[in-house]
Amino acid sequence: MFLLSTLTIIMSLSDKTKKAMEEVGLGSYEIKVYISLLENGSMAASEISKQSNVPYSKIYEVLNSLVSFYFLTSPFPYRKFP
């Protein structure tokens, strides 16, 4: 019972967080990538794609979007991701 109620609280916080991120304009790919980075830390683009289930062809677009929303900082401050 304790585990179930704790899990329910964690899931509802996660749902509330996702909803808040949608309200500021993030799409599903941005949310998946951001949460994956929070959970796993710094990763290569290919690993971000695997962990977040976002197509590799979209990863750099999504990373640039997260930078423009100030959720991430670019390792190259004067240029966009490739």
C-alpha atoms as a PDB file:
ATOM      1  CA  MET A   1       0.000   0.000   0.000  1.00  0.00           C
ATOM      2  CA  PHE A   2       2.778   2.456   0.889  1.00  0.00           C
ATOM      3  CA  LEU A   3       4.602   1.759  -2.378  1.00  0.00           C
ATOM      4  CA  LEU A   4       1.429   2.129  -4.397  1.00  0.00           C
ATOM      5  CA  SER A   5       0.517   5.479  -2.850  1.00  0.00           C
ATOM      6  CA  THR A   6       4.094   6.740  -3.261  1.00  0.00           C
ATOM      7  CA  LEU A   7       4.080   5.602  -6.887  1.00  0.00           C
ATOM      8  CA  THR A   8       0.739   7.327  -7.452  1.00  0.00           C
ATOM      9  CA  ILE A   9       2.110  10.577  -6.022  1.00  0.00           C
ATOM     10  CA  ILE A  10       5.240  10.346  -8.170  1.00  0.00           C
ATOM     11  CA  MET A  11       3.194   9.634 -11.294  1.00  0.00           C
ATOM     12  CA  SER A  12       0.795  12.498 -10.634  1.00  0.00           C
ATOM     13  CA  LEU A  13       3.714  14.892 -10.059  1.00  0.00           C
ATOM     14  CA  SER A  14       5.195  13.693 -13.318  1.00  0.00           C
ATOM     15  CA  ASP A  15       1.878  14.243 -15.102  1.00  0.00           C
ATOM     16  CA  LYS A  16       1.575  17.714 -13.586  1.00  0.00           C
ATOM     17  CA  THR A  17       5.117  18.524 -14.674  1.00  0.00           C
ATOM     18  CA  LYS A  18       4.454  17.325 -18.216  1.00  0.00           C
ATOM     19  CA  LYS A  19       1.259  19.354 -18.379  1.00  0.00           C
ATOM     20  CA  ALA A  20       3.084  22.481 -17.178  1.00  0.00           C
ATOM     21  CA  MET A  21       5.762  21.933 -19.821  1.00  0.00           C
ATOM     22  CA  GLU A  22       3.069  21.619 -22.500  1.00  0.00           C
ATOM     23  CA  GLU A  23       1.489  24.855 -21.264  1.00  0.00           C
ATOM     24  CA  VAL A  24       4.734  26.778 -21.824  1.00  0.00           C
ATOM     25  CA  GLY A  25       4.853  25.461 -25.384  1.00  0.00           C
ATOM     26  CA  LEU A  26       6.987  22.326 -25.325  1.00  0.00           C
ATOM     27  CA  GLY A  27       5.982  19.460 -27.569  1.00  0.00           C
ATOM     28  CA  SER A  28       6.079  15.773 -26.766  1.00  0.00           C
ATOM     29  CA  TYR A  29       9.590  15.301 -28.199  1.00  0.00           C
ATOM     30  CA  GLU A  30      10.975  18.210 -26.180  1.00  0.00           C
ATOM     31  CA  ILE A  31       9.398  16.838 -23.015  1.00  0.00           C
ATOM     32  CA  LYS A  32      10.731  13.322 -23.623  1.00  0.00           C
ATOM     33  CA  VAL A  33      14.255  14.571 -24.323  1.00  0.00           C
ATOM     34  CA  TYR A  34      14.302  16.945 -21.362  1.00  0.00           C
ATOM     35  CA  ILE A  35      13.077  14.299 -18.918  1.00  0.00           C
ATOM     36  CA  SER A  36      15.579  11.805 -20.323  1.00  0.00           C
ATOM     37  CA  LEU A  37      18.418  14.295 -19.793  1.00  0.00           C
ATOM     38  CA  LEU A  38      17.257  14.999 -16.237  1.00  0.00           C
ATOM     39  CA  GLU A  39      17.168  11.280 -15.451  1.00  0.00           C
ATOM     40  CA  ASN A  40      20.422  10.301 -17.190  1.00  0.00           C
ATOM     41  CA  GLY A  41      22.616  13.397 -17.302  1.00  0.00           C
ATOM     42  CA  SER A  42      24.760  14.486 -20.216  1.00  0.00           C
ATOM     43  CA  MET A  43      24.664  12.090 -23.189  1.00  0.00           C
ATOM     44  CA  ALA A  44      25.588  11.926 -26.840  1.00  0.00           C
ATOM     45  CA  ALA A  45      22.803  12.647 -29.330  1.00  0.00           C
ATOM     46  CA  SER A  46      22.487   8.978 -30.277  1.00  0.00           C
ATOM     47  CA  GLU A  47      22.064   7.997 -26.636  1.00  0.00           C
ATOM     48  CA  ILE A  48      19.495  10.765 -26.070  1.00  0.00           C
ATOM     49  CA  SER A  49      17.549   9.361 -29.009  1.00  0.00           C
ATOM     50  CA  LYS A  50      17.615   5.838 -27.559  1.00  0.00           C
ATOM     51  CA  GLN A  51      16.760   6.885 -23.999  1.00  0.00           C
ATOM     52  CA  SER A  52      13.938   9.248 -24.971  1.00  0.00           C
ATOM     53  CA  ASN A  53      12.491   7.244 -27.892  1.00  0.00           C
ATOM     54  CA  VAL A  54      12.742  10.323 -30.118  1.00  0.00           C
ATOM     55  CA  PRO A  55      13.936   9.663 -33.682  1.00  0.00           C
ATOM     56  CA  TYR A  56      17.617  10.471 -34.142  1.00  0.00           C
ATOM     57  CA  SER A  57      16.736  12.607 -37.166  1.00  0.00           C
ATOM     58  CA  LYS A  58      14.847  14.976 -34.812  1.00  0.00           C
ATOM     59  CA  ILE A  59      17.309  15.142 -31.898  1.00  0.00           C
ATOM     60  CA  TYR A  60      19.235  18.255 -32.948  1.00  0.00           C
ATOM     61  CA  GLU A  61      16.031  20.097 -33.801  1.00  0.00           C
ATOM     62  CA  VAL A  62      14.637  19.208 -30.367  1.00  0.00           C
ATOM     63  CA  LEU A  63      17.867  20.199 -28.580  1.00  0.00           C
ATOM     64  CA  ASN A  64      17.854  23.573 -30.348  1.00  0.00           C
ATOM     65  CA  SER A  65      14.238  24.041 -29.338  1.00  0.00           C
ATOM     66  CA  LEU A  66      15.069  23.312 -25.690  1.00  0.00           C
ATOM     67  CA  VAL A  67      17.916  25.839 -25.882  1.00  0.00           C
ATOM     68  CA  SER A  68      15.536  28.463 -27.302  1.00  0.00           C
ATOM     69  CA  PHE A  69      13.123  27.802 -24.408  1.00  0.00           C
ATOM     70  CA  TYR A  70      16.065  28.137 -21.943  1.00  0.00           C
ATOM     71  CA  PHE A  71      15.637  24.574 -20.675  1.00  0.00           C
ATOM     72  CA  LEU A  72      19.179  23.743 -21.868  1.00  0.00           C
ATOM     73  CA  THR A  73      22.346  25.645 -22.568  1.00  0.00           C
ATOM     74  CA  SER A  74      24.289  24.948 -25.708  1.00  0.00           C
ATOM     75  CA  PRO A  75      27.844  23.613 -25.405  1.00  0.00           C
ATOM     76  CA  PHE A  76      28.525  25.996 -28.309  1.00  0.00           C
ATOM     77  CA  PRO A  77      27.008  29.299 -27.138  1.00  0.00           C
ATOM     78  CA  TYR A  78      27.486  31.129 -30.436  1.00  0.00           C
ATOM     79  CA  ARG A  79      26.033  28.549 -32.778  1.00  0.00           C
ATOM     80  CA  LYS A  80      23.193  26.060 -32.967  1.00  0.00           C
ATOM     81  CA  PHE A  81      23.579  22.302 -32.729  1.00  0.00           C
ATOM     82  CA  PRO A  82      24.429  20.793 -36.153  1.00  0.00           C
END
